[in-house]
Structures are given as C-alpha cells and as structure tokens.
Amino acid sequence: MRKEDAIGQKSHFLHDNPKPHVANLTREELEIFRWEILEHPSYSGDPFGPLKEALGGQRFDDNEAVEGFMLDWLHERPRVSTML
C-alpha cells in the first residue's frame, strides 16, 4: 500500500516486543499514517505452570512412561483455537 493511500485509513499496528524500542523514524511514520498502536498483552505468567503442577512428585521408570504420561496429559487438556 502506498503511503498516500494509507493515510487516514483505519489501521492497527502491533509491536512484536512486549516493551518495544521504537526508533524516532518509526514513531513519526506511525503518526503520519494515524495508525492505532495496540499494546502488547501483559505477561500472563508461567505457560508451563499446569504441566509443572501435573508433574509434581511424579517418578518415571523409563522414557516410555514419560511419553505415556505426556500424551495422556496433552489429550486431557482443553483444545485452544488459534483461529481468529
């Protein structure tokens, strides 16, 4: 899209870093385009927390036992859609 065509159109910009370092030129361009800058979602904790909890106190005799436990645990987890 050309800059002339994009100015004033409703657009959103999501930085790819939680606390982005934005160069002055980038900031100026975003202001020219009048793009809404979306805040990155807050850190939501340890993504492995549920797995750590399930593994707490577990002892496995071999790799097959670990694999079986993990497969069972994964199948019990609710499915999360990545489609918007």
PDB file of N, CA and C in Angstrom:
ATOM      1  N   MET A   1       0.853  -1.170   0.000  1.00  0.00           N
ATOM      2  CA  MET A   1       0.000   0.000   0.000  1.00  0.00           C
ATOM      3  C   MET A   1       0.900   1.234   0.000  1.00  0.00           C
ATOM      4  N   ARG A   2       0.566   2.175  -0.835  1.00  0.00           N
ATOM      5  CA  ARG A   2       1.330   3.418  -0.876  1.00  0.00           C
ATOM      6  C   ARG A   2       0.974   4.277   0.324  1.00  0.00           C
ATOM      7  N   LYS A   3       1.948   5.058   0.775  1.00  0.00           N
ATOM      8  CA  LYS A   3       1.726   5.935   1.926  1.00  0.00           C
ATOM      9  C   LYS A   3       0.554   6.869   1.667  1.00  0.00           C
ATOM     10  N   GLU A   4       0.443   7.401   0.461  1.00  0.00           N
ATOM     11  CA  GLU A   4      -0.628   8.336   0.137  1.00  0.00           C
ATOM     12  C   GLU A   4      -1.998   7.686   0.256  1.00  0.00           C
ATOM     13  N   ASP A   5      -2.085   6.404  -0.070  1.00  0.00           N
ATOM     14  CA  ASP A   5      -3.358   5.687   0.004  1.00  0.00           C
ATOM     15  C   ASP A   5      -3.713   5.301   1.435  1.00  0.00           C
ATOM     16  N   ALA A   6      -2.703   5.113   2.278  1.00  0.00           N
ATOM     17  CA  ALA A   6      -2.934   4.604   3.626  1.00  0.00           C
ATOM     18  C   ALA A   6      -3.222   5.691   4.646  1.00  0.00           C
ATOM     19  N   ILE A   7      -2.826   6.904   4.367  1.00  0.00           N
ATOM     20  CA  ILE A   7      -3.007   7.979   5.346  1.00  0.00           C
ATOM     21  C   ILE A   7      -4.487   8.162   5.635  1.00  0.00           C
ATOM     22  N   GLY A   8      -4.825   8.133   6.910  1.00  0.00           N
ATOM     23  CA  GLY A   8      -6.197   8.358   7.335  1.00  0.00           C
ATOM     24  C   GLY A   8      -7.072   7.119   7.347  1.00  0.00           C
ATOM     25  N   GLN A   9      -6.609   6.005   6.788  1.00  0.00           N
ATOM     26  CA  GLN A   9      -7.404   4.786   6.823  1.00  0.00           C
ATOM     27  C   GLN A   9      -7.292   4.134   8.195  1.00  0.00           C
ATOM     28  N   LYS A  10      -8.327   3.420   8.598  1.00  0.00           N
ATOM     29  CA  LYS A  10      -8.341   2.758   9.901  1.00  0.00           C
ATOM     30  C   LYS A  10      -7.402   1.557   9.854  1.00  0.00           C
ATOM     31  N   SER A  11      -6.292   1.647  10.565  1.00  0.00           N
ATOM     32  CA  SER A  11      -5.321   0.568  10.614  1.00  0.00           C
ATOM     33  C   SER A  11      -4.821   0.423  12.034  1.00  0.00           C
ATOM     34  N   HIS A  12      -4.276  -0.751  12.328  1.00  0.00           N
ATOM     35  CA  HIS A  12      -3.725  -1.034  13.649  1.00  0.00           C
ATOM     36  C   HIS A  12      -2.299  -1.535  13.477  1.00  0.00           C
ATOM     37  N   PHE A  13      -1.469  -1.263  14.467  1.00  0.00           N
ATOM     38  CA  PHE A  13      -0.083  -1.712  14.445  1.00  0.00           C
ATOM     39  C   PHE A  13       0.222  -2.367  15.779  1.00  0.00           C
ATOM     40  N   LEU A  14       0.676  -3.612  15.733  1.00  0.00           N
ATOM     41  CA  LEU A  14       1.025  -4.333  16.947  1.00  0.00           C
ATOM     42  C   LEU A  14       2.526  -4.556  16.950  1.00  0.00           C
ATOM     43  N   HIS A  15       3.212  -3.976  17.945  1.00  0.00           N
ATOM     44  CA  HIS A  15       4.644  -4.185  18.075  1.00  0.00           C
ATOM     45  C   HIS A  15       4.904  -5.643  18.402  1.00  0.00           C
ATOM     46  N   ASP A  16       6.037  -6.168  17.943  1.00  0.00           N
ATOM     47  CA  ASP A  16       6.339  -7.567  18.207  1.00  0.00           C
ATOM     48  C   ASP A  16       7.117  -7.788  19.492  1.00  0.00           C
ATOM     49  N   ASN A  17       7.358  -6.748  20.267  1.00  0.00           N
ATOM     50  CA  ASN A  17       8.048  -6.885  21.545  1.00  0.00           C
ATOM     51  C   ASN A  17       7.138  -6.397  22.660  1.00  0.00           C
ATOM     52  N   PRO A  18       7.190  -7.035  23.847  1.00  0.00           N
ATOM     53  CA  PRO A  18       6.353  -6.581  24.951  1.00  0.00           C
ATOM     54  C   PRO A  18       6.612  -5.133  25.339  1.00  0.00           C
ATOM     55  N   LYS A  19       7.855  -4.707  25.362  1.00  0.00           N
ATOM     56  CA  LYS A  19       8.207  -3.318  25.628  1.00  0.00           C
ATOM     57  C   LYS A  19       9.056  -2.837  24.466  1.00  0.00           C
ATOM     58  N   PRO A  20       8.417  -2.452  23.393  1.00  0.00           N
ATOM     59  CA  PRO A  20       9.163  -2.170  22.172  1.00  0.00           C
ATOM     60  C   PRO A  20      10.040  -0.924  22.276  1.00  0.00           C
ATOM     61  N   HIS A  21      11.192  -1.020  21.677  1.00  0.00           N
ATOM     62  CA  HIS A  21      12.040   0.139  21.485  1.00  0.00           C
ATOM     63  C   HIS A  21      11.693   0.645  20.088  1.00  0.00           C
ATOM     64  N   VAL A  22      11.124   1.818  20.018  1.00  0.00           N
ATOM     65  CA  VAL A  22      10.660   2.335  18.735  1.00  0.00           C
ATOM     66  C   VAL A  22      11.518   3.522  18.343  1.00  0.00           C
ATOM     67  N   ALA A  23      12.188   3.402  17.213  1.00  0.00           N
ATOM     68  CA  ALA A  23      13.026   4.476  16.711  1.00  0.00           C
ATOM     69  C   ALA A  23      12.156   5.679  16.359  1.00  0.00           C
ATOM     70  N   ASN A  24      12.746   6.861  16.414  1.00  0.00           N
ATOM     71  CA  ASN A  24      12.004   8.092  16.120  1.00  0.00           C
ATOM     72  C   ASN A  24      11.379   8.058  14.730  1.00  0.00           C
ATOM     73  N   LEU A  25      12.099   7.556  13.740  1.00  0.00           N
ATOM     74  CA  LEU A  25      11.567   7.498  12.378  1.00  0.00           C
ATOM     75  C   LEU A  25      10.319   6.624  12.319  1.00  0.00           C
ATOM     76  N   THR A  26      10.361   5.486  12.997  1.00  0.00           N
ATOM     77  CA  THR A  26       9.201   4.599  13.022  1.00  0.00           C
ATOM     78  C   THR A  26       8.018   5.276  13.695  1.00  0.00           C
ATOM     79  N   ARG A  27       8.266   5.919  14.814  1.00  0.00           N
ATOM     80  CA  ARG A  27       7.207   6.622  15.535  1.00  0.00           C
ATOM     81  C   ARG A  27       6.594   7.719  14.652  1.00  0.00           C
ATOM     82  N   GLU A  28       7.437   8.464  13.953  1.00  0.00           N
ATOM     83  CA  GLU A  28       6.948   9.521  13.068  1.00  0.00           C
ATOM     84  C   GLU A  28       6.091   8.959  11.937  1.00  0.00           C
ATOM     85  N   GLU A  29       6.541   7.834  11.355  1.00  0.00           N
ATOM     86  CA  GLU A  29       5.759   7.218  10.271  1.00  0.00           C
ATOM     87  C   GLU A  29       4.395   6.752  10.774  1.00  0.00           C
ATOM     88  N   LEU A  30       4.364   6.174  11.957  1.00  0.00           N
ATOM     89  CA  LEU A  30       3.088   5.720  12.512  1.00  0.00           C
ATOM     90  C   LEU A  30       2.151   6.892  12.771  1.00  0.00           C
ATOM     91  N   GLU A  31       2.704   8.016  13.184  1.00  0.00           N
ATOM     92  CA  GLU A  31       1.876   9.212  13.388  1.00  0.00           C
ATOM     93  C   GLU A  31       1.345   9.733  12.061  1.00  0.00           C
ATOM     94  N   ILE A  32       2.166   9.700  11.010  1.00  0.00           N
ATOM     95  CA  ILE A  32       1.723  10.153   9.688  1.00  0.00           C
ATOM     96  C   ILE A  32       0.568   9.286   9.202  1.00  0.00           C
ATOM     97  N   PHE A  33       0.690   7.974   9.360  1.00  0.00           N
ATOM     98  CA  PHE A  33      -0.358   7.059   8.918  1.00  0.00           C
ATOM     99  C   PHE A  33      -1.583   7.094   9.823  1.00  0.00           C
ATOM    100  N   ARG A  34      -1.432   7.673  11.022  1.00  0.00           N
ATOM    101  CA  ARG A  34      -2.501   7.724  12.021  1.00  0.00           C
ATOM    102  C   ARG A  34      -2.981   6.329  12.397  1.00  0.00           C
ATOM    103  N   TRP A  35      -2.018   5.413  12.483  1.00  0.00           N
ATOM    104  CA  TRP A  35      -2.341   4.050  12.859  1.00  0.00           C
ATOM    105  C   TRP A  35      -2.471   3.961  14.362  1.00  0.00           C
ATOM    106  N   GLU A  36      -3.451   3.196  14.805  1.00  0.00           N
ATOM    107  CA  GLU A  36      -3.614   2.951  16.227  1.00  0.00           C
ATOM    108  C   GLU A  36      -2.582   1.912  16.655  1.00  0.00           C
ATOM    109  N   ILE A  37      -1.807   2.251  17.674  1.00  0.00           N
ATOM    110  CA  ILE A  37      -0.786   1.337  18.157  1.00  0.00           C
ATOM    111  C   ILE A  37      -1.398   0.487  19.258  1.00  0.00           C
ATOM    112  N   LEU A  38      -1.422  -0.820  19.039  1.00  0.00           N
ATOM    113  CA  LEU A  38      -2.000  -1.746  20.009  1.00  0.00           C
ATOM    114  C   LEU A  38      -0.953  -2.115  21.046  1.00  0.00           C
ATOM    115  N   GLU A  39      -1.362  -2.118  22.287  1.00  0.00           N
ATOM    116  CA  GLU A  39      -0.460  -2.522  23.360  1.00  0.00           C
ATOM    117  C   GLU A  39      -0.302  -4.032  23.327  1.00  0.00           C
ATOM    118  N   HIS A  40       0.886  -4.483  23.603  1.00  0.00           N
ATOM    119  CA  HIS A  40       1.143  -5.920  23.668  1.00  0.00           C
ATOM    120  C   HIS A  40       0.476  -6.460  24.926  1.00  0.00           C
ATOM    121  N   PRO A  41      -0.159  -7.632  24.855  1.00  0.00           N
ATOM    122  CA  PRO A  41      -0.806  -8.177  26.049  1.00  0.00           C
ATOM    123  C   PRO A  41       0.192  -8.362  27.187  1.00  0.00           C
ATOM    124  N   SER A  42      -0.272  -8.184  28.386  1.00  0.00           N
ATOM    125  CA  SER A  42       0.577  -8.355  29.555  1.00  0.00           C
ATOM    126  C   SER A  42       1.050  -9.791  29.664  1.00  0.00           C
ATOM    127  N   TYR A  43       2.180  -9.964  30.314  1.00  0.00           N
ATOM    128  CA  TYR A  43       2.698 -11.300  30.569  1.00  0.00           C
ATOM    129  C   TYR A  43       1.705 -12.015  31.479  1.00  0.00           C
ATOM    130  N   SER A  44       1.307 -13.193  31.089  1.00  0.00           N
ATOM    131  CA  SER A  44       0.238 -13.881  31.818  1.00  0.00           C
ATOM    132  C   SER A  44       0.744 -14.998  32.720  1.00  0.00           C
ATOM    133  N   GLY A  45       2.009 -14.979  33.069  1.00  0.00           N
ATOM    134  CA  GLY A  45       2.509 -15.995  33.985  1.00  0.00           C
ATOM    135  C   GLY A  45       3.267 -17.091  33.277  1.00  0.00           C
ATOM    136  N   ASP A  46       3.560 -18.114  34.008  1.00  0.00           N
ATOM    137  CA  ASP A  46       4.338 -19.229  33.501  1.00  0.00           C
ATOM    138  C   ASP A  46       3.473 -20.116  32.612  1.00  0.00           C
ATOM    139  N   PRO A  47       3.775 -20.192  31.314  1.00  0.00           N
ATOM    140  CA  PRO A  47       2.946 -21.015  30.425  1.00  0.00           C
ATOM    141  C   PRO A  47       3.065 -22.512  30.724  1.00  0.00           C
ATOM    142  N   PHE A  48       4.111 -22.893  31.465  1.00  0.00           N
ATOM    143  CA  PHE A  48       4.296 -24.297  31.794  1.00  0.00           C
ATOM    144  C   PHE A  48       3.771 -24.641  33.181  1.00  0.00           C
ATOM    145  N   GLY A  49       3.105 -23.683  33.838  1.00  0.00           N
ATOM    146  CA  GLY A  49       2.578 -23.901  35.179  1.00  0.00           C
ATOM    147  C   GLY A  49       1.709 -25.141  35.301  1.00  0.00           C
ATOM    148  N   PRO A  50       0.709 -25.321  34.415  1.00  0.00           N
ATOM    149  CA  PRO A  50      -0.141 -26.516  34.530  1.00  0.00           C
ATOM    150  C   PRO A  50       0.640 -27.821  34.361  1.00  0.00           C
ATOM    151  N   LEU A  51       1.633 -27.818  33.474  1.00  0.00           N
ATOM    152  CA  LEU A  51       2.445 -29.027  33.295  1.00  0.00           C
ATOM    153  C   LEU A  51       3.299 -29.284  34.533  1.00  0.00           C
ATOM    154  N   LYS A  52       3.893 -28.223  35.084  1.00  0.00           N
ATOM    155  CA  LYS A  52       4.691 -28.386  36.305  1.00  0.00           C
ATOM    156  C   LYS A  52       3.837 -28.946  37.438  1.00  0.00           C
ATOM    157  N   GLU A  53       2.618 -28.452  37.526  1.00  0.00           N
ATOM    158  CA  GLU A  53       1.711 -28.922  38.571  1.00  0.00           C
ATOM    159  C   GLU A  53       1.381 -30.404  38.381  1.00  0.00           C
ATOM    160  N   ALA A  54       1.121 -30.800  37.142  1.00  0.00           N
ATOM    161  CA  ALA A  54       0.791 -32.198  36.862  1.00  0.00           C
ATOM    162  C   ALA A  54       1.987 -33.112  37.109  1.00  0.00           C
ATOM    163  N   LEU A  55       3.189 -32.605  36.857  1.00  0.00           N
ATOM    164  CA  LEU A  55       4.395 -33.413  37.042  1.00  0.00           C
ATOM    165  C   LEU A  55       4.860 -33.472  38.491  1.00  0.00           C
ATOM    166  N   GLY A  56       4.328 -32.609  39.336  1.00  0.00           N
ATOM    167  CA  GLY A  56       4.779 -32.533  40.727  1.00  0.00           C
ATOM    168  C   GLY A  56       4.766 -33.884  41.418  1.00  0.00           C
ATOM    169  N   GLY A  57       5.924 -34.334  41.897  1.00  0.00           N
ATOM    170  CA  GLY A  57       6.031 -35.580  42.631  1.00  0.00           C
ATOM    171  C   GLY A  57       6.051 -36.835  41.770  1.00  0.00           C
ATOM    172  N   GLN A  58       5.939 -36.685  40.457  1.00  0.00           N
ATOM    173  CA  GLN A  58       5.931 -37.862  39.572  1.00  0.00           C
ATOM    174  C   GLN A  58       7.331 -38.462  39.467  1.00  0.00           C
ATOM    175  N   ARG A  59       7.397 -39.779  39.379  1.00  0.00           N
ATOM    176  CA  ARG A  59       8.639 -40.503  39.125  1.00  0.00           C
ATOM    177  C   ARG A  59       8.368 -41.461  37.971  1.00  0.00           C
ATOM    178  N   PHE A  60       9.290 -41.522  37.039  1.00  0.00           N
ATOM    179  CA  PHE A  60       9.123 -42.375  35.866  1.00  0.00           C
ATOM    180  C   PHE A  60      10.271 -43.367  35.786  1.00  0.00           C
ATOM    181  N   ASP A  61       9.949 -44.595  35.423  1.00  0.00           N
ATOM    182  CA  ASP A  61      10.957 -45.653  35.330  1.00  0.00           C
ATOM    183  C   ASP A  61      11.728 -45.609  34.011  1.00  0.00           C
ATOM    184  N   ASP A  62      11.083 -45.100  32.956  1.00  0.00           N
ATOM    185  CA  ASP A  62      11.751 -45.074  31.652  1.00  0.00           C
ATOM    186  C   ASP A  62      11.123 -44.009  30.761  1.00  0.00           C
ATOM    187  N   ASN A  63      11.689 -43.826  29.590  1.00  0.00           N
ATOM    188  CA  ASN A  63      11.198 -42.810  28.651  1.00  0.00           C
ATOM    189  C   ASN A  63       9.778 -43.097  28.182  1.00  0.00           C
ATOM    190  N   GLU A  64       9.442 -44.370  28.047  1.00  0.00           N
ATOM    191  CA  GLU A  64       8.090 -44.728  27.601  1.00  0.00           C
ATOM    192  C   GLU A  64       7.049 -44.267  28.616  1.00  0.00           C
ATOM    193  N   ALA A  65       7.373 -44.348  29.895  1.00  0.00           N
ATOM    194  CA  ALA A  65       6.444 -43.892  30.935  1.00  0.00           C
ATOM    195  C   ALA A  65       6.257 -42.375  30.858  1.00  0.00           C
ATOM    196  N   VAL A  66       7.337 -41.653  30.579  1.00  0.00           N
ATOM    197  CA  VAL A  66       7.245 -40.195  30.424  1.00  0.00           C
ATOM    198  C   VAL A  66       6.382 -39.870  29.212  1.00  0.00           C
ATOM    199  N   GLU A  67       6.650 -40.558  28.116  1.00  0.00           N
ATOM    200  CA  GLU A  67       5.891 -40.322  26.889  1.00  0.00           C
ATOM    201  C   GLU A  67       4.405 -40.610  27.097  1.00  0.00           C
ATOM    202  N   GLY A  68       4.091 -41.707  27.764  1.00  0.00           N
ATOM    203  CA  GLY A  68       2.696 -42.043  28.036  1.00  0.00           C
ATOM    204  C   GLY A  68       2.022 -40.997  28.898  1.00  0.00           C
ATOM    205  N   PHE A  69       2.715 -40.551  29.947  1.00  0.00           N
ATOM    206  CA  PHE A  69       2.164 -39.514  30.814  1.00  0.00           C
ATOM    207  C   PHE A  69       1.878 -38.239  30.017  1.00  0.00           C
ATOM    208  N   MET A  70       2.852 -37.832  29.193  1.00  0.00           N
ATOM    209  CA  MET A  70       2.699 -36.594  28.424  1.00  0.00           C
ATOM    210  C   MET A  70       1.549 -36.699  27.417  1.00  0.00           C
ATOM    211  N   LEU A  71       1.448 -37.826  26.735  1.00  0.00           N
ATOM    212  CA  LEU A  71       0.355 -37.990  25.777  1.00  0.00           C
ATOM    213  C   LEU A  71      -0.999 -37.934  26.468  1.00  0.00           C
ATOM    214  N   ASP A  72      -1.115 -38.606  27.604  1.00  0.00           N
ATOM    215  CA  ASP A  72      -2.369 -38.565  28.363  1.00  0.00           C
ATOM    216  C   ASP A  72      -2.682 -37.143  28.812  1.00  0.00           C
ATOM    217  N   TRP A  73      -1.667 -36.457  29.330  1.00  0.00           N
ATOM    218  CA  TRP A  73      -1.857 -35.091  29.822  1.00  0.00           C
ATOM    219  C   TRP A  73      -2.288 -34.159  28.691  1.00  0.00           C
ATOM    220  N   LEU A  74      -1.640 -34.291  27.543  1.00  0.00           N
ATOM    221  CA  LEU A  74      -1.990 -33.433  26.402  1.00  0.00           C
ATOM    222  C   LEU A  74      -3.404 -33.708  25.901  1.00  0.00           C
ATOM    223  N   HIS A  75      -3.808 -34.959  25.881  1.00  0.00           N
ATOM    224  CA  HIS A  75      -5.165 -35.298  25.417  1.00  0.00           C
ATOM    225  C   HIS A  75      -6.238 -34.814  26.385  1.00  0.00           C
ATOM    226  N   GLU A  76      -5.894 -34.675  27.659  1.00  0.00           N
ATOM    227  CA  GLU A  76      -6.855 -34.195  28.654  1.00  0.00           C
ATOM    228  C   GLU A  76      -7.008 -32.684  28.636  1.00  0.00           C
ATOM    229  N   ARG A  77      -6.036 -31.976  28.046  1.00  0.00           N
ATOM    230  CA  ARG A  77      -6.070 -30.510  28.023  1.00  0.00           C
ATOM    231  C   ARG A  77      -7.168 -30.029  27.089  1.00  0.00           C
ATOM    232  N   PRO A  78      -7.835 -28.928  27.435  1.00  0.00           N
ATOM    233  CA  PRO A  78      -8.835 -28.380  26.508  1.00  0.00           C
ATOM    234  C   PRO A  78      -8.153 -27.858  25.247  1.00  0.00           C
ATOM    235  N   ARG A  79      -8.820 -28.035  24.159  1.00  0.00           N
ATOM    236  CA  ARG A  79      -8.264 -27.541  22.885  1.00  0.00           C
ATOM    237  C   ARG A  79      -8.425 -26.034  22.830  1.00  0.00           C
ATOM    238  N   VAL A  80      -7.397 -25.389  22.326  1.00  0.00           N
ATOM    239  CA  VAL A  80      -7.414 -23.931  22.173  1.00  0.00           C
ATOM    240  C   VAL A  80      -7.332 -23.624  20.697  1.00  0.00           C
ATOM    241  N   SER A  81      -8.276 -22.864  20.217  1.00  0.00           N
ATOM    242  CA  SER A  81      -8.283 -22.494  18.816  1.00  0.00           C
ATOM    243  C   SER A  81      -7.341 -21.324  18.590  1.00  0.00           C
ATOM    244  N   THR A  82      -6.505 -21.434  17.570  1.00  0.00           N
ATOM    245  CA  THR A  82      -5.620 -20.317  17.207  1.00  0.00           C
ATOM    246  C   THR A  82      -6.214 -19.490  16.079  1.00  0.00           C
ATOM    247  N   MET A  83      -7.383 -19.904  15.619  1.00  0.00           N
ATOM    248  CA  MET A  83      -8.052 -19.165  14.548  1.00  0.00           C
ATOM    249  C   MET A  83      -8.807 -17.980  15.137  1.00  0.00           C
ATOM    250  N   LEU A  84      -8.718 -16.857  14.464  1.00  0.00           N
ATOM    251  CA  LEU A  84      -9.456 -15.655  14.919  1.00  0.00           C
ATOM    252  C   LEU A  84     -10.768 -15.548  14.207  1.00  0.00           C
TER     253      LEU A  84
END
